[in-house]
């Protein structure tokens, strides 16, 4: 005798195939939010030998757009200086919209601070290189960034500050 699917209690108790269980993470969109390039000493900067000191700054910001949907913005600033004078300054705000549902607050914080910037970084790196080359400077390929290590350092520094300890010295390569 064939079973009637409408009366099968096991089928009714099983979760629907289109509703995954557990935390959900997805990339919805990646976009360039803002960019700027300045070469304040052009064209005289091109007359000397190009051996700049490169200063690099990185920040991340995130905001909730709606429940379970977040915008993450990776801000990269690169300044090349020659003899304490700027050769160029480039800043890129690379952004993405991410779905992150059913994560606890600690997991969500880490996800937004590490996984999302890891996804955005290659796009930001390409924009920076393109702007620098269009400014008639040699290509600038930024090395990969370990966002997990940066996140861990920030958490340790925050804990040290909360406990009244002096923060550990940071090394920059």
C-alpha atoms as a PDB file:
ATOM      1  CA  UNK A   1       0.000   0.000   0.000  1.00  0.00           C
ATOM      2  CA  UNK A   2       1.387   3.413  -0.945  1.00  0.00           C
ATOM      3  CA  UNK A   3       1.637   6.068   1.758  1.00  0.00           C
ATOM      4  CA  UNK A   4      -0.163   9.341   1.327  1.00  0.00           C
ATOM      5  CA  UNK A   5       2.535  12.069   1.396  1.00  0.00           C
ATOM      6  CA  UNK A   6       0.126  14.545   2.955  1.00  0.00           C
ATOM      7  CA  UNK A   7      -0.314  12.319   6.009  1.00  0.00           C
ATOM      8  CA  UNK A   8       3.357  11.451   6.611  1.00  0.00           C
ATOM      9  CA  UNK A   9       4.308  12.836  10.080  1.00  0.00           C
ATOM     10  CA  UNK A  10       8.056  12.365   9.401  1.00  0.00           C
ATOM     11  CA  UNK A  11       7.873  14.578   6.317  1.00  0.00           C
ATOM     12  CA  UNK A  12       6.002  17.240   8.259  1.00  0.00           C
ATOM     13  CA  UNK A  13       8.670  17.263  11.012  1.00  0.00           C
ATOM     14  CA  UNK A  14      11.613  17.517   8.568  1.00  0.00           C
ATOM     15  CA  UNK A  15      12.889  21.048   7.821  1.00  0.00           C
ATOM     16  CA  UNK A  16      12.206  22.442   4.375  1.00  0.00           C
ATOM     17  CA  UNK A  17      15.110  21.986   1.956  1.00  0.00           C
ATOM     18  CA  UNK A  18      15.145  25.693   1.082  1.00  0.00           C
ATOM     19  CA  UNK A  19      15.581  26.789   4.736  1.00  0.00           C
ATOM     20  CA  UNK A  20      19.124  25.909   5.845  1.00  0.00           C
ATOM     21  CA  UNK A  21      19.717  25.369   9.528  1.00  0.00           C
ATOM     22  CA  UNK A  22      22.382  27.202  11.507  1.00  0.00           C
ATOM     23  CA  UNK A  23      24.286  30.413  10.757  1.00  0.00           C
ATOM     24  CA  UNK A  24      24.059  31.839   7.256  1.00  0.00           C
ATOM     25  CA  UNK A  25      26.658  34.041   5.545  1.00  0.00           C
ATOM     26  CA  UNK A  26      26.498  35.407   2.016  1.00  0.00           C
ATOM     27  CA  UNK A  27      28.033  38.164  -0.062  1.00  0.00           C
ATOM     28  CA  UNK A  28      25.379  40.307  -1.726  1.00  0.00           C
ATOM     29  CA  UNK A  29      27.446  43.019  -3.406  1.00  0.00           C
ATOM     30  CA  UNK A  30      30.933  44.534  -3.622  1.00  0.00           C
ATOM     31  CA  UNK A  31      31.367  48.152  -4.653  1.00  0.00           C
ATOM     32  CA  UNK A  32      33.771  51.062  -4.581  1.00  0.00           C
ATOM     33  CA  UNK A  33      32.294  53.574  -2.135  1.00  0.00           C
ATOM     34  CA  UNK A  34      34.965  56.286  -2.403  1.00  0.00           C
ATOM     35  CA  UNK A  35      38.461  56.806  -3.769  1.00  0.00           C
ATOM     36  CA  UNK A  36      40.912  59.663  -4.048  1.00  0.00           C
ATOM     37  CA  UNK A  37      44.368  60.172  -5.476  1.00  0.00           C
ATOM     38  CA  UNK A  38      46.589  63.182  -4.879  1.00  0.00           C
ATOM     39  CA  UNK A  39      50.021  63.950  -6.253  1.00  0.00           C
ATOM     40  CA  UNK A  40      50.730  67.357  -4.740  1.00  0.00           C
ATOM     41  CA  UNK A  41      54.319  67.637  -6.048  1.00  0.00           C
ATOM     42  CA  UNK A  42      53.646  66.692  -9.663  1.00  0.00           C
ATOM     43  CA  UNK A  43      55.412  67.099 -12.028  1.00  0.00           C
ATOM     44  CA  UNK A  44      58.580  67.841 -10.034  1.00  0.00           C
ATOM     45  CA  UNK A  45      58.247  64.541  -8.143  1.00  0.00           C
ATOM     46  CA  UNK A  46      59.081  62.714 -11.396  1.00  0.00           C
ATOM     47  CA  UNK A  47      62.434  64.470 -11.824  1.00  0.00           C
ATOM     48  CA  UNK A  48      64.283  62.732  -8.990  1.00  0.00           C
ATOM     49  CA  UNK A  49      64.965  59.120  -8.214  1.00  0.00           C
ATOM     50  CA  UNK A  50      61.863  57.270  -7.008  1.00  0.00           C
ATOM     51  CA  UNK A  51      62.710  55.637  -3.685  1.00  0.00           C
ATOM     52  CA  UNK A  52      59.780  56.554  -1.458  1.00  0.00           C
ATOM     53  CA  UNK A  53      58.932  55.646   2.069  1.00  0.00           C
ATOM     54  CA  UNK A  54      55.496  54.002   1.995  1.00  0.00           C
ATOM     55  CA  UNK A  55      53.105  54.543   4.903  1.00  0.00           C
ATOM     56  CA  UNK A  56      50.027  52.340   5.015  1.00  0.00           C
ATOM     57  CA  UNK A  57      46.903  52.698   7.156  1.00  0.00           C
ATOM     58  CA  UNK A  58      43.965  50.331   7.326  1.00  0.00           C
ATOM     59  CA  UNK A  59      40.568  50.685   8.975  1.00  0.00           C
ATOM     60  CA  UNK A  60      37.310  48.812   8.825  1.00  0.00           C
ATOM     61  CA  UNK A  61      33.812  50.019   9.599  1.00  0.00           C
ATOM     62  CA  UNK A  62      30.536  48.194   9.591  1.00  0.00           C
ATOM     63  CA  UNK A  63      26.897  49.084   9.994  1.00  0.00           C
ATOM     64  CA  UNK A  64      23.659  47.162  10.021  1.00  0.00           C
ATOM     65  CA  UNK A  65      21.474  47.962   7.017  1.00  0.00           C
ATOM     66  CA  UNK A  66      18.625  45.776   8.217  1.00  0.00           C
ATOM     67  CA  UNK A  67      18.286  42.715  10.426  1.00  0.00           C
ATOM     68  CA  UNK A  68      20.998  40.262   9.343  1.00  0.00           C
ATOM     69  CA  UNK A  69      22.353  42.505   6.539  1.00  0.00           C
ATOM     70  CA  UNK A  70      25.516  44.555   7.025  1.00  0.00           C
ATOM     71  CA  UNK A  71      27.643  46.997   5.079  1.00  0.00           C
ATOM     72  CA  UNK A  72      31.371  46.567   5.708  1.00  0.00           C
ATOM     73  CA  UNK A  73      33.778  49.264   4.499  1.00  0.00           C
ATOM     74  CA  UNK A  74      37.510  48.644   4.232  1.00  0.00           C
ATOM     75  CA  UNK A  75      39.444  51.935   4.202  1.00  0.00           C
ATOM     76  CA  UNK A  76      43.021  51.774   2.897  1.00  0.00           C
ATOM     77  CA  UNK A  77      45.261  54.827   2.828  1.00  0.00           C
ATOM     78  CA  UNK A  78      48.712  54.759   1.252  1.00  0.00           C
ATOM     79  CA  UNK A  79      51.133  57.665   1.327  1.00  0.00           C
ATOM     80  CA  UNK A  80      54.448  57.681  -0.503  1.00  0.00           C
ATOM     81  CA  UNK A  81      56.908  60.278   0.779  1.00  0.00           C
ATOM     82  CA  UNK A  82      60.236  61.453  -0.603  1.00  0.00           C
ATOM     83  CA  UNK A  83      62.429  63.517   1.710  1.00  0.00           C
ATOM     84  CA  UNK A  84      59.460  64.088   4.034  1.00  0.00           C
ATOM     85  CA  UNK A  85      57.379  65.469   1.159  1.00  0.00           C
ATOM     86  CA  UNK A  86      54.366  63.561  -0.197  1.00  0.00           C
ATOM     87  CA  UNK A  87      54.837  61.929  -3.588  1.00  0.00           C
ATOM     88  CA  UNK A  88      51.279  60.664  -3.659  1.00  0.00           C
ATOM     89  CA  UNK A  89      48.410  59.906  -1.335  1.00  0.00           C
ATOM     90  CA  UNK A  90      45.731  57.414  -2.288  1.00  0.00           C
ATOM     91  CA  UNK A  91      42.686  56.428  -0.250  1.00  0.00           C
ATOM     92  CA  UNK A  92      40.141  53.772  -1.147  1.00  0.00           C
ATOM     93  CA  UNK A  93      36.879  52.886   0.588  1.00  0.00           C
ATOM     94  CA  UNK A  94      35.992  49.419  -0.692  1.00  0.00           C
ATOM     95  CA  UNK A  95      32.597  48.253   0.548  1.00  0.00           C
ATOM     96  CA  UNK A  96      30.413  45.212   0.521  1.00  0.00           C
ATOM     97  CA  UNK A  97      26.957  44.171   1.615  1.00  0.00           C
ATOM     98  CA  UNK A  98      26.874  40.880   3.483  1.00  0.00           C
ATOM     99  CA  UNK A  99      24.120  38.720   4.919  1.00  0.00           C
ATOM    100  CA  UNK A 100      25.023  37.289   8.312  1.00  0.00           C
ATOM    101  CA  UNK A 101      22.205  35.578  10.185  1.00  0.00           C
ATOM    102  CA  UNK A 102      22.021  33.410  13.291  1.00  0.00           C
ATOM    103  CA  UNK A 103      25.540  34.170  14.558  1.00  0.00           C
ATOM    104  CA  UNK A 104      26.087  34.969  18.229  1.00  0.00           C
ATOM    105  CA  UNK A 105      27.438  38.472  18.900  1.00  0.00           C
ATOM    106  CA  UNK A 106      31.083  37.376  19.283  1.00  0.00           C
ATOM    107  CA  UNK A 107      30.989  35.347  16.061  1.00  0.00           C
ATOM    108  CA  UNK A 108      29.292  38.209  14.206  1.00  0.00           C
ATOM    109  CA  UNK A 109      31.864  40.718  15.445  1.00  0.00           C
ATOM    110  CA  UNK A 110      34.728  38.491  14.284  1.00  0.00           C
ATOM    111  CA  UNK A 111      33.027  37.741  10.952  1.00  0.00           C
ATOM    112  CA  UNK A 112      32.563  41.445  10.176  1.00  0.00           C
ATOM    113  CA  UNK A 113      36.141  42.266  11.274  1.00  0.00           C
ATOM    114  CA  UNK A 114      37.984  39.422   9.524  1.00  0.00           C
ATOM    115  CA  UNK A 115      36.078  37.471   6.870  1.00  0.00           C
ATOM    116  CA  UNK A 116      34.423  40.464   5.197  1.00  0.00           C
ATOM    117  CA  UNK A 117      37.632  42.566   4.945  1.00  0.00           C
ATOM    118  CA  UNK A 118      39.440  39.491   3.571  1.00  0.00           C
ATOM    119  CA  UNK A 119      36.864  39.374   0.784  1.00  0.00           C
ATOM    120  CA  UNK A 120      37.106  43.131   0.099  1.00  0.00           C
ATOM    121  CA  UNK A 121      40.900  43.490   0.238  1.00  0.00           C
ATOM    122  CA  UNK A 122      41.796  42.168  -3.245  1.00  0.00           C
ATOM    123  CA  UNK A 123      39.370  44.648  -4.813  1.00  0.00           C
ATOM    124  CA  UNK A 124      40.790  47.567  -2.807  1.00  0.00           C
ATOM    125  CA  UNK A 125      44.352  46.502  -3.626  1.00  0.00           C
ATOM    126  CA  UNK A 126      43.547  46.507  -7.353  1.00  0.00           C
ATOM    127  CA  UNK A 127      41.974  49.994  -7.164  1.00  0.00           C
ATOM    128  CA  UNK A 128      45.013  51.371  -5.333  1.00  0.00           C
ATOM    129  CA  UNK A 129      47.419  49.872  -7.872  1.00  0.00           C
ATOM    130  CA  UNK A 130      45.351  51.220 -10.758  1.00  0.00           C
ATOM    131  CA  UNK A 131      45.197  54.750  -9.322  1.00  0.00           C
ATOM    132  CA  UNK A 132      48.943  54.800  -8.604  1.00  0.00           C
ATOM    133  CA  UNK A 133      49.784  53.635 -12.138  1.00  0.00           C
ATOM    134  CA  UNK A 134      47.383  56.186 -13.654  1.00  0.00           C
ATOM    135  CA  UNK A 135      49.230  58.826 -11.633  1.00  0.00           C
ATOM    136  CA  UNK A 136      52.367  57.792 -13.573  1.00  0.00           C
ATOM    137  CA  UNK A 137      54.043  56.107 -10.608  1.00  0.00           C
ATOM    138  CA  UNK A 138      55.451  52.561 -10.523  1.00  0.00           C
ATOM    139  CA  UNK A 139      52.927  49.816  -9.753  1.00  0.00           C
ATOM    140  CA  UNK A 140      52.171  49.321  -6.072  1.00  0.00           C
ATOM    141  CA  UNK A 141      51.080  45.827  -5.088  1.00  0.00           C
ATOM    142  CA  UNK A 142      50.148  45.614  -1.438  1.00  0.00           C
ATOM    143  CA  UNK A 143      51.041  42.441   0.434  1.00  0.00           C
ATOM    144  CA  UNK A 144      48.197  40.326   1.797  1.00  0.00           C
ATOM    145  CA  UNK A 145      46.890  41.295   5.238  1.00  0.00           C
ATOM    146  CA  UNK A 146      46.152  38.857   8.037  1.00  0.00           C
ATOM    147  CA  UNK A 147      42.871  40.303   9.319  1.00  0.00           C
ATOM    148  CA  UNK A 148      42.578  37.498  11.883  1.00  0.00           C
ATOM    149  CA  UNK A 149      45.879  38.556  13.468  1.00  0.00           C
ATOM    150  CA  UNK A 150      44.861  42.232  13.434  1.00  0.00           C
ATOM    151  CA  UNK A 151      41.553  41.361  15.087  1.00  0.00           C
ATOM    152  CA  UNK A 152      43.326  39.317  17.772  1.00  0.00           C
ATOM    153  CA  UNK A 153      45.777  42.183  18.450  1.00  0.00           C
ATOM    154  CA  UNK A 154      42.910  44.672  18.766  1.00  0.00           C
ATOM    155  CA  UNK A 155      41.009  42.388  21.163  1.00  0.00           C
ATOM    156  CA  UNK A 156      44.127  41.877  23.307  1.00  0.00           C
ATOM    157  CA  UNK A 157      44.819  45.625  23.382  1.00  0.00           C
ATOM    158  CA  UNK A 158      41.201  46.334  24.363  1.00  0.00           C
ATOM    159  CA  UNK A 159      41.388  43.757  27.158  1.00  0.00           C
ATOM    160  CA  UNK A 160      44.691  45.205  28.385  1.00  0.00           C
ATOM    161  CA  UNK A 161      43.172  48.710  28.438  1.00  0.00           C
ATOM    162  CA  UNK A 162      40.124  47.423  30.307  1.00  0.00           C
ATOM    163  CA  UNK A 163      42.416  45.818  32.905  1.00  0.00           C
ATOM    164  CA  UNK A 164      44.541  48.958  33.229  1.00  0.00           C
ATOM    165  CA  UNK A 165      47.599  47.309  31.682  1.00  0.00           C
ATOM    166  CA  UNK A 166      49.975  49.014  29.307  1.00  0.00           C
ATOM    167  CA  UNK A 167      49.336  47.863  25.731  1.00  0.00           C
ATOM    168  CA  UNK A 168      51.917  45.577  24.171  1.00  0.00           C
ATOM    169  CA  UNK A 169      54.179  47.273  21.611  1.00  0.00           C
ATOM    170  CA  UNK A 170      53.158  46.641  18.017  1.00  0.00           C
ATOM    171  CA  UNK A 171      55.604  45.810  15.275  1.00  0.00           C
ATOM    172  CA  UNK A 172      55.056  47.170  11.799  1.00  0.00           C
ATOM    173  CA  UNK A 173      56.882  45.752   8.811  1.00  0.00           C
END
